[in-house]
Amino acid sequence: SARVSSGPWLSLSCSVEIGTVLADRDPVTHKNRCPKLELVRLAIPRRVYTDDHLEYVKEAIVRIAKDKESISGLEFTYEPELLRHFRARFKKVDASSAASTVSL
């Protein structure tokens, strides 16, 4: 099957996590810093998407929020010293085990 490798639809995938990963680790304790909010910034180019496209994205986010308890967490498989929020790699963990290991 053909693989799509370019197009304006790929621009929507440009997102940045603004939360625990960006906050990095405490330099003394090396524990993850846990900000009050876990956010994701979506970079959406102007003049590429219609209102219908963004309505679809909104509906998807609402569905995810309603089903958030069934979504598994992530843990680091690779954590670079610099710019970890751009270069880190993760693996899925079971939602129930992730909830039991989170410490704020």
Foldseek 3Di string as FASTA:
>chain_A
DDDDDDDLVVLQVDKFWDFQQVQAADPPPRHTDGDPDTDMDTDHDPPRDDPVVVVVVVVVVVVCVVVVLQAFDWDWPDADPPPRRVDTDIDTDGSVVVVVPDDD
